[in-house]
Amino acid sequence: MPDTADTARAGGCIVMTDLPNLHPVDELADVNAQLAFLQTRKDELRAMIISGACGTIGDTHMAVVKETVSVRVDTKGLRKAWGDTVLASWLRPATSYRVVTQPIADKDNQ
């Protein structure tokens, strides 16, 4: 298995590992595109398996479909029913960071 400068094609995106001349922002944009492609493909494959459109035994792997049920709190419903004032003592702020990449339209005008 190659360890550096390995490239392959996945849905029109270059799969990169450890390319020294690639800016982290550009690599992040490419990784996001790869993830989007892979998530779409994963969803398609899961749907085929769950629906029974294909078997559950492949050449090297098998799939076991398990159904789980979880209970979640409907915060929108609680807010609508009781309002933020009642819920305030149970709500706590959580900080998260989101990095959004976008192509540079005209790099010369920056």
N, C-alpha and C. Protein backbone atom coordinates (compact mmCIF):
# COMPACT_ATOMS: atom_id res chain seq x y z
N MET A 1 0.85 -1.18 0.00
CA MET A 1 0.00 0.00 0.00
C MET A 1 0.89 1.24 0.00
N PRO A 2 0.72 2.15 -0.97
CA PRO A 2 1.55 3.35 -1.02
C PRO A 2 1.28 4.24 0.19
N ASP A 3 2.31 4.91 0.69
CA ASP A 3 2.14 5.71 1.89
C ASP A 3 2.06 7.20 1.63
N THR A 4 2.64 7.71 0.54
CA THR A 4 2.56 9.14 0.28
C THR A 4 2.31 9.39 -1.20
N ALA A 5 1.81 10.57 -1.50
CA ALA A 5 1.55 11.00 -2.87
C ALA A 5 0.72 9.98 -3.64
N ASP A 6 -0.18 9.33 -2.95
CA ASP A 6 -1.04 8.33 -3.57
C ASP A 6 -2.24 9.05 -4.17
N THR A 7 -2.49 8.85 -5.45
CA THR A 7 -3.66 9.46 -6.05
C THR A 7 -4.50 8.41 -6.74
N ALA A 8 -5.79 8.59 -6.68
CA ALA A 8 -6.74 7.73 -7.35
C ALA A 8 -7.96 8.56 -7.68
N ARG A 9 -8.83 8.07 -8.50
CA ARG A 9 -10.04 8.81 -8.87
C ARG A 9 -11.25 8.26 -8.13
N ALA A 10 -12.06 9.16 -7.58
CA ALA A 10 -13.30 8.76 -6.93
C ALA A 10 -14.36 9.80 -7.27
N GLY A 11 -15.21 9.48 -8.18
CA GLY A 11 -16.30 10.39 -8.54
C GLY A 11 -15.82 11.72 -9.08
N GLY A 12 -14.73 11.73 -9.81
CA GLY A 12 -14.21 12.96 -10.37
C GLY A 12 -13.33 13.74 -9.43
N CYS A 13 -13.13 13.26 -8.22
CA CYS A 13 -12.30 13.94 -7.23
C CYS A 13 -10.97 13.19 -7.13
N ILE A 14 -9.92 13.91 -6.94
CA ILE A 14 -8.63 13.26 -6.73
C ILE A 14 -8.52 12.89 -5.26
N VAL A 15 -8.21 11.63 -4.99
CA VAL A 15 -7.99 11.19 -3.62
C VAL A 15 -6.52 11.44 -3.33
N MET A 16 -6.24 12.27 -2.34
CA MET A 16 -4.87 12.67 -2.07
C MET A 16 -4.45 12.33 -0.66
N THR A 17 -3.22 11.97 -0.53
CA THR A 17 -2.65 11.79 0.79
C THR A 17 -1.27 12.40 0.80
N ASP A 18 -1.03 13.30 1.72
CA ASP A 18 0.29 13.86 1.95
C ASP A 18 0.93 14.50 0.72
N LEU A 19 0.21 15.37 0.04
CA LEU A 19 0.79 16.09 -1.09
C LEU A 19 1.35 17.42 -0.57
N PRO A 20 2.66 17.60 -0.62
CA PRO A 20 3.29 18.75 0.03
C PRO A 20 2.96 20.10 -0.58
N ASN A 21 2.57 20.18 -1.86
CA ASN A 21 2.32 21.47 -2.50
C ASN A 21 0.86 21.87 -2.50
N LEU A 22 0.03 21.14 -1.80
CA LEU A 22 -1.38 21.44 -1.78
C LEU A 22 -1.72 22.20 -0.50
N HIS A 23 -2.33 23.37 -0.66
CA HIS A 23 -2.72 24.18 0.50
C HIS A 23 -3.82 23.44 1.27
N PRO A 24 -3.78 23.50 2.61
CA PRO A 24 -4.80 22.80 3.41
C PRO A 24 -6.24 23.17 3.05
N VAL A 25 -6.51 24.43 2.67
CA VAL A 25 -7.86 24.82 2.30
C VAL A 25 -8.28 24.09 1.03
N ASP A 26 -7.36 23.99 0.07
CA ASP A 26 -7.67 23.29 -1.18
C ASP A 26 -7.86 21.79 -0.93
N GLU A 27 -7.04 21.23 -0.07
CA GLU A 27 -7.18 19.81 0.25
C GLU A 27 -8.50 19.56 0.97
N LEU A 28 -8.88 20.47 1.89
CA LEU A 28 -10.15 20.33 2.60
C LEU A 28 -11.32 20.36 1.63
N ALA A 29 -11.28 21.26 0.66
CA ALA A 29 -12.35 21.33 -0.34
C ALA A 29 -12.44 20.02 -1.11
N ASP A 30 -11.30 19.46 -1.47
CA ASP A 30 -11.31 18.20 -2.20
C ASP A 30 -11.80 17.05 -1.32
N VAL A 31 -11.38 17.03 -0.07
CA VAL A 31 -11.83 15.99 0.85
C VAL A 31 -13.35 16.08 1.03
N ASN A 32 -13.89 17.30 1.15
CA ASN A 32 -15.34 17.47 1.27
C ASN A 32 -16.07 16.93 0.05
N ALA A 33 -15.51 17.17 -1.14
CA ALA A 33 -16.12 16.64 -2.36
C ALA A 33 -16.08 15.12 -2.38
N GLN A 34 -14.97 14.55 -1.93
CA GLN A 34 -14.85 13.09 -1.86
C GLN A 34 -15.87 12.51 -0.89
N LEU A 35 -16.00 13.16 0.27
CA LEU A 35 -16.95 12.69 1.28
C LEU A 35 -18.38 12.73 0.75
N ALA A 36 -18.73 13.79 0.03
CA ALA A 36 -20.07 13.91 -0.53
C ALA A 36 -20.32 12.78 -1.52
N PHE A 37 -19.36 12.51 -2.38
CA PHE A 37 -19.49 11.42 -3.35
C PHE A 37 -19.64 10.09 -2.62
N LEU A 38 -18.78 9.85 -1.64
CA LEU A 38 -18.81 8.58 -0.91
C LEU A 38 -20.09 8.42 -0.11
N GLN A 39 -20.60 9.50 0.50
CA GLN A 39 -21.85 9.42 1.25
C GLN A 39 -23.01 9.07 0.34
N THR A 40 -23.05 9.68 -0.85
CA THR A 40 -24.10 9.37 -1.81
C THR A 40 -24.03 7.90 -2.22
N ARG A 41 -22.84 7.42 -2.51
CA ARG A 41 -22.68 6.01 -2.89
C ARG A 41 -23.05 5.08 -1.74
N LYS A 42 -22.65 5.44 -0.52
CA LYS A 42 -23.00 4.64 0.65
C LYS A 42 -24.52 4.54 0.79
N ASP A 43 -25.22 5.68 0.64
CA ASP A 43 -26.67 5.69 0.75
C ASP A 43 -27.32 4.80 -0.31
N GLU A 44 -26.79 4.85 -1.54
CA GLU A 44 -27.31 3.99 -2.61
C GLU A 44 -27.13 2.51 -2.28
N LEU A 45 -25.93 2.15 -1.83
CA LEU A 45 -25.63 0.76 -1.51
C LEU A 45 -26.48 0.27 -0.34
N ARG A 46 -26.60 1.09 0.70
CA ARG A 46 -27.42 0.71 1.86
C ARG A 46 -28.87 0.50 1.45
N ALA A 47 -29.39 1.38 0.60
CA ALA A 47 -30.78 1.26 0.14
C ALA A 47 -30.98 -0.05 -0.63
N MET A 48 -30.02 -0.41 -1.47
CA MET A 48 -30.11 -1.66 -2.22
C MET A 48 -30.12 -2.86 -1.27
N ILE A 49 -29.27 -2.84 -0.28
CA ILE A 49 -29.17 -3.96 0.66
C ILE A 49 -30.42 -4.05 1.52
N ILE A 50 -30.87 -2.93 2.07
CA ILE A 50 -32.04 -2.92 2.95
C ILE A 50 -33.30 -3.33 2.20
N SER A 51 -33.43 -2.89 0.95
CA SER A 51 -34.64 -3.21 0.18
C SER A 51 -34.66 -4.64 -0.33
N GLY A 52 -33.53 -5.31 -0.27
CA GLY A 52 -33.45 -6.68 -0.77
C GLY A 52 -33.18 -6.75 -2.27
N ALA A 53 -32.82 -5.62 -2.88
CA ALA A 53 -32.54 -5.59 -4.31
C ALA A 53 -31.30 -6.41 -4.67
N CYS A 54 -30.49 -6.70 -3.69
CA CYS A 54 -29.31 -7.54 -3.91
C CYS A 54 -29.17 -8.46 -2.70
N GLY A 55 -28.36 -9.44 -2.80
CA GLY A 55 -28.15 -10.34 -1.68
C GLY A 55 -27.34 -9.67 -0.59
N THR A 56 -27.22 -10.34 0.53
CA THR A 56 -26.45 -9.78 1.65
C THR A 56 -25.07 -10.43 1.78
N ILE A 57 -24.73 -11.32 0.87
CA ILE A 57 -23.43 -11.97 0.93
C ILE A 57 -22.65 -11.65 -0.34
N GLY A 58 -21.50 -11.00 -0.15
CA GLY A 58 -20.63 -10.67 -1.27
C GLY A 58 -19.50 -11.65 -1.37
N ASP A 59 -18.47 -11.29 -2.12
CA ASP A 59 -17.30 -12.16 -2.28
C ASP A 59 -16.43 -12.18 -1.03
N THR A 60 -16.33 -11.03 -0.35
CA THR A 60 -15.45 -10.95 0.81
C THR A 60 -16.14 -10.45 2.08
N HIS A 61 -17.36 -9.96 1.96
CA HIS A 61 -18.07 -9.43 3.12
C HIS A 61 -19.53 -9.85 3.08
N MET A 62 -20.16 -9.82 4.24
CA MET A 62 -21.60 -10.03 4.32
C MET A 62 -22.22 -8.89 5.11
N ALA A 63 -23.47 -8.62 4.82
CA ALA A 63 -24.18 -7.55 5.52
C ALA A 63 -25.25 -8.16 6.40
N VAL A 64 -25.39 -7.62 7.59
CA VAL A 64 -26.46 -8.00 8.49
C VAL A 64 -27.28 -6.74 8.73
N VAL A 65 -28.55 -6.76 8.34
CA VAL A 65 -29.41 -5.60 8.49
C VAL A 65 -30.09 -5.69 9.84
N LYS A 66 -29.84 -4.70 10.68
CA LYS A 66 -30.43 -4.66 12.01
C LYS A 66 -31.27 -3.39 12.15
N GLU A 67 -32.45 -3.55 12.67
CA GLU A 67 -33.32 -2.40 12.90
C GLU A 67 -33.18 -1.98 14.36
N THR A 68 -32.99 -0.69 14.58
CA THR A 68 -32.93 -0.17 15.94
C THR A 68 -33.94 0.97 16.07
N VAL A 69 -34.46 1.12 17.24
CA VAL A 69 -35.40 2.20 17.52
C VAL A 69 -34.79 3.03 18.65
N SER A 70 -34.78 4.34 18.45
CA SER A 70 -34.26 5.21 19.49
C SER A 70 -35.32 6.24 19.85
N VAL A 71 -35.21 6.79 21.04
CA VAL A 71 -36.12 7.81 21.50
C VAL A 71 -35.33 9.11 21.60
N ARG A 72 -35.85 10.13 20.98
CA ARG A 72 -35.16 11.42 20.99
C ARG A 72 -36.10 12.51 21.48
N VAL A 73 -35.54 13.53 22.04
CA VAL A 73 -36.33 14.66 22.53
C VAL A 73 -36.59 15.61 21.37
N ASP A 74 -37.84 15.97 21.19
CA ASP A 74 -38.24 16.90 20.13
C ASP A 74 -38.17 18.32 20.70
N THR A 75 -37.00 18.95 20.58
CA THR A 75 -36.83 20.28 21.17
C THR A 75 -37.72 21.33 20.50
N LYS A 76 -37.95 21.20 19.20
CA LYS A 76 -38.86 22.14 18.53
C LYS A 76 -40.27 22.02 19.10
N GLY A 77 -40.71 20.79 19.32
CA GLY A 77 -42.03 20.57 19.90
C GLY A 77 -42.13 21.09 21.32
N LEU A 78 -41.08 20.88 22.11
CA LEU A 78 -41.06 21.39 23.48
C LEU A 78 -41.11 22.91 23.50
N ARG A 79 -40.34 23.53 22.62
CA ARG A 79 -40.35 25.00 22.57
C ARG A 79 -41.74 25.51 22.19
N LYS A 80 -42.35 24.83 21.23
CA LYS A 80 -43.69 25.26 20.79
C LYS A 80 -44.71 25.08 21.91
N ALA A 81 -44.62 23.96 22.64
CA ALA A 81 -45.59 23.67 23.70
C ALA A 81 -45.38 24.51 24.95
N TRP A 82 -44.12 24.67 25.36
CA TRP A 82 -43.86 25.32 26.65
C TRP A 82 -43.07 26.61 26.57
N GLY A 83 -42.45 26.89 25.46
CA GLY A 83 -41.69 28.12 25.30
C GLY A 83 -40.29 28.03 25.87
N ASP A 84 -39.44 28.95 25.41
CA ASP A 84 -38.04 28.97 25.82
C ASP A 84 -37.86 29.27 27.30
N THR A 85 -38.76 30.05 27.88
CA THR A 85 -38.63 30.43 29.28
C THR A 85 -38.67 29.20 30.18
N VAL A 86 -39.59 28.30 29.95
CA VAL A 86 -39.70 27.09 30.76
C VAL A 86 -38.50 26.18 30.50
N LEU A 87 -38.05 26.10 29.27
CA LEU A 87 -36.95 25.19 28.92
C LEU A 87 -35.57 25.75 29.26
N ALA A 88 -35.48 27.03 29.54
CA ALA A 88 -34.19 27.70 29.72
C ALA A 88 -33.29 27.01 30.74
N SER A 89 -33.83 26.50 31.82
CA SER A 89 -32.98 25.90 32.85
C SER A 89 -32.39 24.57 32.40
N TRP A 90 -32.93 23.97 31.34
CA TRP A 90 -32.38 22.70 30.85
C TRP A 90 -31.57 22.85 29.56
N LEU A 91 -31.56 24.05 29.01
CA LEU A 91 -30.80 24.28 27.78
C LEU A 91 -29.42 24.82 28.12
N ARG A 92 -28.43 24.35 27.39
CA ARG A 92 -27.08 24.87 27.60
C ARG A 92 -26.45 25.14 26.24
N PRO A 93 -25.68 26.20 26.15
CA PRO A 93 -25.05 26.52 24.87
C PRO A 93 -23.93 25.53 24.53
N ALA A 94 -23.78 25.27 23.28
CA ALA A 94 -22.69 24.42 22.80
C ALA A 94 -22.04 25.14 21.63
N THR A 95 -20.74 25.28 21.68
CA THR A 95 -20.01 25.95 20.62
C THR A 95 -19.45 24.92 19.66
N SER A 96 -19.61 25.20 18.39
CA SER A 96 -19.01 24.34 17.37
C SER A 96 -18.46 25.24 16.27
N TYR A 97 -17.58 24.69 15.49
CA TYR A 97 -16.97 25.45 14.40
C TYR A 97 -17.25 24.74 13.10
N ARG A 98 -17.58 25.51 12.09
CA ARG A 98 -17.86 24.97 10.77
C ARG A 98 -16.96 25.68 9.79
N VAL A 99 -16.23 24.93 9.00
CA VAL A 99 -15.36 25.50 7.98
C VAL A 99 -15.99 25.21 6.64
N VAL A 100 -16.33 26.26 5.91
CA VAL A 100 -16.95 26.12 4.60
C VAL A 100 -15.94 26.56 3.56
N THR A 101 -15.71 25.73 2.56
CA THR A 101 -14.79 26.10 1.50
C THR A 101 -15.59 26.48 0.26
N GLN A 102 -15.00 27.36 -0.54
CA GLN A 102 -15.63 27.76 -1.79
C GLN A 102 -14.54 28.10 -2.78
N PRO A 103 -14.81 27.91 -4.06
CA PRO A 103 -13.78 28.23 -5.05
C PRO A 103 -13.52 29.73 -5.08
N ILE A 104 -12.30 30.08 -5.39
CA ILE A 104 -11.93 31.49 -5.55
C ILE A 104 -12.32 31.87 -6.97
N ALA A 105 -13.26 32.82 -7.11
CA ALA A 105 -13.77 33.19 -8.43
C ALA A 105 -12.68 33.78 -9.30
N ASP A 106 -11.99 34.76 -8.79
CA ASP A 106 -10.91 35.41 -9.55
C ASP A 106 -9.78 35.68 -8.59
N LYS A 107 -8.83 34.80 -8.54
CA LYS A 107 -7.74 34.90 -7.58
C LYS A 107 -6.93 36.18 -7.74
N ASP A 108 -6.84 36.73 -8.97
CA ASP A 108 -6.06 37.93 -9.22
C ASP A 108 -6.67 39.18 -8.58
N ASN A 109 -7.96 39.17 -8.29
CA ASN A 109 -8.63 40.33 -7.69
C ASN A 109 -8.68 40.26 -6.18
N GLN A 110 -7.89 39.43 -5.57
CA GLN A 110 -7.91 39.29 -4.12
C GLN A 110 -6.87 40.17 -3.48
